[in-house]
Amino acid sequence: MAMVLNMVEVYKTNVTRKIQAKRILDVLSEQFPMFSINFDLEDCDKILRVEGKNIPQEKIARLVIENGYQCNVLD
């Protein structure tokens, strides 16, 4: 039986505060309930991590940007 592996996409943001992160997580979770999404604000790049299948990179970055923050896919 083949196992389908989840993808993990990592984004660099300028979100610095927990309240900002929670607001973004609420927006993203509403749009993408099938993904596991979290922030690592301790990381120097203020990482947004999204885990799931078929992650729409640009759509996620655009949503964060539309909410007033920088967001770039990290390679």
C-alpha atoms as a PDB file:
ATOM      1  CA  MET A   1       0.000   0.000   0.000  1.00  0.00           C
ATOM      2  CA  ALA A   2       1.514   3.342  -1.054  1.00  0.00           C
ATOM      3  CA  MET A   3       1.690   6.095   1.516  1.00  0.00           C
ATOM      4  CA  VAL A   4       0.973   9.636   0.377  1.00  0.00           C
ATOM      5  CA  LEU A   5       3.445  11.993   1.975  1.00  0.00           C
ATOM      6  CA  ASN A   6       2.439  15.441   3.100  1.00  0.00           C
ATOM      7  CA  MET A   7       4.313  18.400   1.692  1.00  0.00           C
ATOM      8  CA  VAL A   8       5.706  21.090   3.957  1.00  0.00           C
ATOM      9  CA  GLU A   9       5.966  24.632   2.646  1.00  0.00           C
ATOM     10  CA  VAL A  10       7.930  27.208   4.625  1.00  0.00           C
ATOM     11  CA  TYR A  11       7.466  30.961   4.270  1.00  0.00           C
ATOM     12  CA  LYS A  12       9.504  33.876   5.586  1.00  0.00           C
ATOM     13  CA  THR A  13       7.267  36.579   7.089  1.00  0.00           C
ATOM     14  CA  ASN A  14       7.545  39.813   9.055  1.00  0.00           C
ATOM     15  CA  VAL A  15       4.936  38.751  11.645  1.00  0.00           C
ATOM     16  CA  THR A  16       6.484  39.415  15.058  1.00  0.00           C
ATOM     17  CA  ARG A  17       3.684  39.185  17.621  1.00  0.00           C
ATOM     18  CA  LYS A  18       1.518  36.271  18.731  1.00  0.00           C
ATOM     19  CA  ILE A  19      -1.691  38.275  18.223  1.00  0.00           C
ATOM     20  CA  GLN A  20      -0.696  38.993  14.599  1.00  0.00           C
ATOM     21  CA  ALA A  21       0.156  35.323  14.049  1.00  0.00           C
ATOM     22  CA  LYS A  22      -3.195  34.240  15.494  1.00  0.00           C
ATOM     23  CA  ARG A  23      -5.074  36.601  13.155  1.00  0.00           C
ATOM     24  CA  ILE A  24      -3.241  35.210  10.117  1.00  0.00           C
ATOM     25  CA  LEU A  25      -3.716  31.608  11.313  1.00  0.00           C
ATOM     26  CA  ASP A  26      -7.461  32.228  11.677  1.00  0.00           C
ATOM     27  CA  VAL A  27      -7.687  33.542   8.099  1.00  0.00           C
ATOM     28  CA  LEU A  28      -5.576  30.705   6.656  1.00  0.00           C
ATOM     29  CA  SER A  29      -7.334  27.973   8.654  1.00  0.00           C
ATOM     30  CA  GLU A  30     -10.703  29.213   7.430  1.00  0.00           C
ATOM     31  CA  GLN A  31      -9.541  29.080   3.791  1.00  0.00           C
ATOM     32  CA  PHE A  32      -7.496  25.888   4.146  1.00  0.00           C
ATOM     33  CA  PRO A  33      -8.952  23.697   6.922  1.00  0.00           C
ATOM     34  CA  MET A  34      -7.218  20.626   5.477  1.00  0.00           C
ATOM     35  CA  PHE A  35      -3.716  21.936   6.234  1.00  0.00           C
ATOM     36  CA  SER A  36      -1.713  22.004   9.434  1.00  0.00           C
ATOM     37  CA  ILE A  37      -0.507  25.623   9.753  1.00  0.00           C
ATOM     38  CA  ASN A  38       1.683  27.262  12.383  1.00  0.00           C
ATOM     39  CA  PHE A  39       4.171  30.058  13.034  1.00  0.00           C
ATOM     40  CA  ASP A  40       7.646  29.871  14.513  1.00  0.00           C
ATOM     41  CA  LEU A  41       8.143  33.430  15.758  1.00  0.00           C
ATOM     42  CA  GLU A  42      11.371  32.422  17.565  1.00  0.00           C
ATOM     43  CA  ASP A  43      13.041  31.812  14.181  1.00  0.00           C
ATOM     44  CA  CYS A  44      14.877  34.817  12.699  1.00  0.00           C
ATOM     45  CA  ASP A  45      12.720  34.490   9.539  1.00  0.00           C
ATOM     46  CA  LYS A  46       9.412  34.454  11.516  1.00  0.00           C
ATOM     47  CA  ILE A  47       8.514  31.192   9.796  1.00  0.00           C
ATOM     48  CA  LEU A  48       5.022  30.291   8.629  1.00  0.00           C
ATOM     49  CA  ARG A  49       4.864  26.515   8.133  1.00  0.00           C
ATOM     50  CA  VAL A  50       2.095  24.823   6.154  1.00  0.00           C
ATOM     51  CA  GLU A  51       1.781  21.036   5.973  1.00  0.00           C
ATOM     52  CA  GLY A  52      -0.591  19.077   3.753  1.00  0.00           C
ATOM     53  CA  LYS A  53      -1.208  17.801   0.252  1.00  0.00           C
ATOM     54  CA  ASN A  54      -1.173  20.067  -2.842  1.00  0.00           C
ATOM     55  CA  ILE A  55      -0.389  23.310  -1.036  1.00  0.00           C
ATOM     56  CA  PRO A  56      -1.211  26.389  -3.172  1.00  0.00           C
ATOM     57  CA  GLN A  57       1.983  28.382  -2.424  1.00  0.00           C
ATOM     58  CA  GLU A  58       1.018  31.607  -4.165  1.00  0.00           C
ATOM     59  CA  LYS A  59      -2.506  31.650  -2.729  1.00  0.00           C
ATOM     60  CA  ILE A  60      -1.236  31.309   0.825  1.00  0.00           C
ATOM     61  CA  ALA A  61       1.437  33.982   0.343  1.00  0.00           C
ATOM     62  CA  ARG A  62      -1.137  36.307  -1.249  1.00  0.00           C
ATOM     63  CA  LEU A  63      -3.545  35.912   1.687  1.00  0.00           C
ATOM     64  CA  VAL A  64      -0.821  36.819   4.175  1.00  0.00           C
ATOM     65  CA  ILE A  65       0.195  39.827   2.039  1.00  0.00           C
ATOM     66  CA  GLU A  66      -3.445  40.952   1.699  1.00  0.00           C
ATOM     67  CA  ASN A  67      -3.582  40.970   5.492  1.00  0.00           C
ATOM     68  CA  GLY A  68      -0.709  43.449   5.658  1.00  0.00           C
ATOM     69  CA  TYR A  69       2.391  41.289   6.105  1.00  0.00           C
ATOM     70  CA  GLN A  70       5.335  40.232   3.982  1.00  0.00           C
ATOM     71  CA  CYS A  71       5.410  36.589   2.963  1.00  0.00           C
ATOM     72  CA  ASN A  72       7.927  34.798   0.742  1.00  0.00           C
ATOM     73  CA  VAL A  73       8.382  31.091   0.042  1.00  0.00           C
ATOM     74  CA  LEU A  74      11.690  29.859   1.438  1.00  0.00           C
ATOM     75  CA  ASP A  75      13.584  27.438  -0.798  1.00  0.00           C
END
